[in-house]
Amino acid sequence: MQSIGIDIEEISRFSKIKFQKRTTFYKKIFTEKEIQYCMNKKNIEVVLQDNIPSLILPNGKKGYVSLSHTKKYAVAVVLINDINMKNL
């Protein structure tokens, strides 16, 4: 199964403050499932393969990512092949 995701965010909404100090903010823009997934997946690696940014997930699955930004916004599109949606 293939999965694709896209996110666009205002850069000014994010800062270097840890999640624990801004839980209300993060809970407003992410679902509880998304937060738990990210908190448990600290070993997601981004690599450059054939000049294409790729994600290597902790389970060894590979995904492709496209990133873009302006002064105000950042956008990311991720495509993952052969993913088990029950684990997200």
N, C-alpha and C. Protein backbone atom coordinates (compact mmCIF):
# COMPACT_ATOMS: atom_id res chain seq x y z
N MET A 1 0.84 -1.18 0.00
CA MET A 1 0.00 0.00 0.00
C MET A 1 0.89 1.24 0.00
N GLN A 2 0.50 2.26 -0.73
CA GLN A 2 1.21 3.52 -0.74
C GLN A 2 0.45 4.53 0.11
N SER A 3 1.20 5.42 0.70
CA SER A 3 0.61 6.48 1.50
C SER A 3 1.28 7.79 1.13
N ILE A 4 0.49 8.85 1.04
CA ILE A 4 1.04 10.17 0.74
C ILE A 4 0.49 11.14 1.77
N GLY A 5 1.35 12.04 2.20
CA GLY A 5 0.93 13.06 3.16
C GLY A 5 1.48 14.41 2.75
N ILE A 6 0.74 15.45 3.07
CA ILE A 6 1.19 16.82 2.78
C ILE A 6 0.85 17.71 3.96
N ASP A 7 1.78 18.57 4.31
CA ASP A 7 1.56 19.53 5.39
C ASP A 7 2.10 20.88 4.96
N ILE A 8 1.37 21.93 5.31
CA ILE A 8 1.85 23.29 5.12
C ILE A 8 1.65 24.01 6.45
N GLU A 9 2.67 24.72 6.87
CA GLU A 9 2.61 25.40 8.16
C GLU A 9 3.24 26.78 8.06
N GLU A 10 2.76 27.69 8.90
CA GLU A 10 3.39 28.99 9.05
C GLU A 10 4.65 28.80 9.89
N ILE A 11 5.77 29.21 9.37
CA ILE A 11 7.04 29.01 10.06
C ILE A 11 7.05 29.72 11.41
N SER A 12 6.44 30.88 11.49
CA SER A 12 6.45 31.64 12.74
C SER A 12 5.73 30.92 13.89
N ARG A 13 4.89 29.94 13.58
CA ARG A 13 4.17 29.22 14.62
C ARG A 13 5.06 28.23 15.36
N PHE A 14 6.20 27.91 14.79
CA PHE A 14 7.10 26.93 15.41
C PHE A 14 8.30 27.64 15.99
N SER A 15 8.80 27.08 17.06
CA SER A 15 10.00 27.63 17.69
C SER A 15 10.84 26.47 18.19
N LYS A 16 11.93 26.78 18.83
CA LYS A 16 12.82 25.74 19.35
C LYS A 16 12.41 25.28 20.76
N ILE A 17 11.26 25.72 21.22
CA ILE A 17 10.77 25.31 22.53
C ILE A 17 10.31 23.87 22.47
N LYS A 18 10.70 23.08 23.44
CA LYS A 18 10.34 21.66 23.47
C LYS A 18 8.83 21.45 23.60
N PHE A 19 8.39 20.29 23.13
CA PHE A 19 6.98 19.92 23.16
C PHE A 19 6.38 20.09 24.56
N GLN A 20 7.09 19.66 25.58
CA GLN A 20 6.58 19.70 26.95
C GLN A 20 6.23 21.11 27.41
N LYS A 21 6.86 22.11 26.82
CA LYS A 21 6.58 23.49 27.21
C LYS A 21 5.49 24.14 26.36
N ARG A 22 5.07 23.46 25.27
CA ARG A 22 4.05 24.02 24.38
C ARG A 22 3.00 22.99 24.01
N THR A 23 2.61 22.15 24.95
CA THR A 23 1.68 21.06 24.63
C THR A 23 0.34 21.58 24.09
N THR A 24 -0.16 22.68 24.63
CA THR A 24 -1.44 23.22 24.15
C THR A 24 -1.34 23.60 22.67
N PHE A 25 -0.25 24.24 22.30
CA PHE A 25 -0.05 24.63 20.91
C PHE A 25 -0.01 23.41 20.00
N TYR A 26 0.81 22.42 20.35
CA TYR A 26 0.95 21.24 19.50
C TYR A 26 -0.34 20.42 19.44
N LYS A 27 -1.07 20.37 20.54
CA LYS A 27 -2.34 19.62 20.53
C LYS A 27 -3.40 20.32 19.69
N LYS A 28 -3.22 21.61 19.47
CA LYS A 28 -4.16 22.36 18.64
C LYS A 28 -3.96 22.06 17.15
N ILE A 29 -2.72 21.79 16.74
CA ILE A 29 -2.46 21.62 15.31
C ILE A 29 -2.19 20.18 14.88
N PHE A 30 -1.95 19.28 15.85
CA PHE A 30 -1.72 17.88 15.54
C PHE A 30 -2.72 17.01 16.29
N THR A 31 -3.08 15.87 15.73
CA THR A 31 -3.94 14.93 16.45
C THR A 31 -3.12 14.22 17.51
N GLU A 32 -3.79 13.65 18.47
CA GLU A 32 -3.10 12.89 19.53
C GLU A 32 -2.30 11.74 18.92
N LYS A 33 -2.87 11.11 17.91
CA LYS A 33 -2.19 9.99 17.24
C LYS A 33 -0.90 10.46 16.56
N GLU A 34 -0.94 11.64 15.91
CA GLU A 34 0.25 12.19 15.27
C GLU A 34 1.33 12.53 16.31
N ILE A 35 0.92 13.11 17.42
CA ILE A 35 1.86 13.46 18.48
C ILE A 35 2.53 12.22 19.04
N GLN A 36 1.74 11.20 19.35
CA GLN A 36 2.30 9.97 19.90
C GLN A 36 3.24 9.30 18.91
N TYR A 37 2.86 9.30 17.65
CA TYR A 37 3.72 8.70 16.63
C TYR A 37 5.08 9.40 16.59
N CYS A 38 5.05 10.73 16.57
CA CYS A 38 6.31 11.49 16.50
C CYS A 38 7.14 11.33 17.77
N MET A 39 6.49 11.31 18.91
CA MET A 39 7.22 11.17 20.18
C MET A 39 7.90 9.81 20.27
N ASN A 40 7.32 8.80 19.64
CA ASN A 40 7.88 7.45 19.69
C ASN A 40 8.85 7.16 18.55
N LYS A 41 8.93 8.02 17.56
CA LYS A 41 9.76 7.79 16.37
C LYS A 41 10.88 8.82 16.30
N LYS A 42 11.83 8.69 17.18
CA LYS A 42 12.91 9.67 17.24
C LYS A 42 14.03 9.35 16.26
N ASN A 43 13.99 8.21 15.63
CA ASN A 43 15.09 7.80 14.77
C ASN A 43 14.74 7.85 13.29
N ILE A 44 13.92 8.78 12.89
CA ILE A 44 13.64 8.96 11.47
C ILE A 44 14.83 9.70 10.87
N GLU A 45 15.39 9.15 9.85
CA GLU A 45 16.60 9.68 9.23
C GLU A 45 16.28 10.20 7.85
N VAL A 46 16.78 11.36 7.52
CA VAL A 46 16.62 11.92 6.18
C VAL A 46 17.97 11.80 5.49
N VAL A 47 17.97 11.19 4.32
CA VAL A 47 19.20 11.00 3.55
C VAL A 47 18.97 11.50 2.14
N LEU A 48 20.06 11.75 1.44
CA LEU A 48 20.00 12.16 0.05
C LEU A 48 20.45 10.98 -0.81
N GLN A 49 19.53 10.44 -1.62
CA GLN A 49 19.84 9.32 -2.50
C GLN A 49 19.55 9.76 -3.93
N ASP A 50 20.58 9.73 -4.78
CA ASP A 50 20.43 10.16 -6.17
C ASP A 50 19.84 11.57 -6.26
N ASN A 51 20.29 12.45 -5.37
CA ASN A 51 19.82 13.84 -5.29
C ASN A 51 18.34 13.96 -4.94
N ILE A 52 17.75 12.92 -4.37
CA ILE A 52 16.35 12.94 -3.93
C ILE A 52 16.32 12.74 -2.42
N PRO A 53 15.76 13.71 -1.66
CA PRO A 53 15.66 13.50 -0.21
C PRO A 53 14.78 12.29 0.09
N SER A 54 15.27 11.41 0.94
CA SER A 54 14.53 10.20 1.31
C SER A 54 14.47 10.08 2.83
N LEU A 55 13.41 9.46 3.30
CA LEU A 55 13.26 9.16 4.73
C LEU A 55 13.56 7.70 4.95
N ILE A 56 14.29 7.40 5.99
CA ILE A 56 14.47 6.02 6.42
C ILE A 56 13.82 5.91 7.79
N LEU A 57 12.72 5.17 7.85
CA LEU A 57 11.97 5.03 9.10
C LEU A 57 12.62 3.97 9.99
N PRO A 58 12.33 4.00 11.29
CA PRO A 58 12.93 3.01 12.20
C PRO A 58 12.69 1.57 11.80
N ASN A 59 11.58 1.28 11.12
CA ASN A 59 11.30 -0.09 10.69
C ASN A 59 11.99 -0.45 9.38
N GLY A 60 12.84 0.46 8.87
CA GLY A 60 13.59 0.20 7.65
C GLY A 60 12.88 0.61 6.38
N LYS A 61 11.62 1.01 6.46
CA LYS A 61 10.88 1.44 5.28
C LYS A 61 11.46 2.76 4.77
N LYS A 62 11.39 2.96 3.46
CA LYS A 62 11.91 4.17 2.85
C LYS A 62 10.77 4.99 2.29
N GLY A 63 10.86 6.29 2.45
CA GLY A 63 9.87 7.19 1.88
C GLY A 63 10.58 8.31 1.16
N TYR A 64 9.87 9.01 0.34
CA TYR A 64 10.43 10.14 -0.40
C TYR A 64 9.77 11.41 0.10
N VAL A 65 10.56 12.46 0.20
CA VAL A 65 10.06 13.72 0.74
C VAL A 65 10.42 14.86 -0.19
N SER A 66 9.49 15.79 -0.33
CA SER A 66 9.73 17.01 -1.08
C SER A 66 9.43 18.17 -0.15
N LEU A 67 10.37 19.08 0.00
CA LEU A 67 10.23 20.22 0.90
C LEU A 67 10.33 21.52 0.12
N SER A 68 9.58 22.52 0.57
CA SER A 68 9.67 23.84 -0.03
C SER A 68 9.27 24.86 1.03
N HIS A 69 9.69 26.11 0.85
CA HIS A 69 9.32 27.13 1.82
C HIS A 69 9.44 28.52 1.22
N THR A 70 8.77 29.44 1.87
CA THR A 70 8.93 30.86 1.62
C THR A 70 9.32 31.47 2.96
N LYS A 71 9.35 32.78 3.06
CA LYS A 71 9.67 33.39 4.35
C LYS A 71 8.60 33.08 5.40
N LYS A 72 7.36 32.85 4.95
CA LYS A 72 6.26 32.65 5.89
C LYS A 72 5.81 31.20 6.04
N TYR A 73 5.97 30.38 5.01
CA TYR A 73 5.39 29.04 5.03
C TYR A 73 6.42 27.97 4.67
N ALA A 74 6.19 26.78 5.21
CA ALA A 74 6.96 25.59 4.84
C ALA A 74 5.97 24.51 4.47
N VAL A 75 6.32 23.72 3.45
CA VAL A 75 5.45 22.64 3.00
C VAL A 75 6.29 21.37 2.81
N ALA A 76 5.70 20.24 3.16
CA ALA A 76 6.36 18.95 2.98
C ALA A 76 5.37 17.96 2.40
N VAL A 77 5.84 17.19 1.43
CA VAL A 77 5.04 16.10 0.85
C VAL A 77 5.87 14.83 1.02
N VAL A 78 5.25 13.78 1.55
CA VAL A 78 5.94 12.51 1.79
C VAL A 78 5.17 11.39 1.12
N LEU A 79 5.89 10.52 0.43
CA LEU A 79 5.33 9.33 -0.19
C LEU A 79 6.04 8.12 0.39
N ILE A 80 5.28 7.21 0.95
CA ILE A 80 5.85 5.99 1.53
C ILE A 80 5.19 4.78 0.85
N ASN A 81 6.00 3.86 0.38
CA ASN A 81 5.50 2.64 -0.24
C ASN A 81 5.41 1.53 0.81
N ASP A 82 4.48 0.61 0.60
CA ASP A 82 4.38 -0.58 1.42
C ASP A 82 4.33 -0.27 2.91
N ILE A 83 3.32 0.53 3.29
CA ILE A 83 3.20 0.93 4.69
C ILE A 83 1.96 0.28 5.31
N ASN A 84 2.06 -0.07 6.56
CA ASN A 84 0.94 -0.61 7.31
C ASN A 84 0.27 0.55 8.04
N MET A 85 -0.87 1.00 7.55
CA MET A 85 -1.55 2.16 8.12
C MET A 85 -2.01 1.94 9.56
N LYS A 86 -2.12 0.72 10.00
CA LYS A 86 -2.54 0.44 11.38
C LYS A 86 -1.52 0.94 12.39
N ASN A 87 -0.25 1.07 11.97
CA ASN A 87 0.80 1.49 12.90
C ASN A 87 0.97 2.99 12.97
N LEU A 88 0.24 3.76 12.17
CA LEU A 88 0.39 5.21 12.19
C LEU A 88 -0.49 5.85 13.22
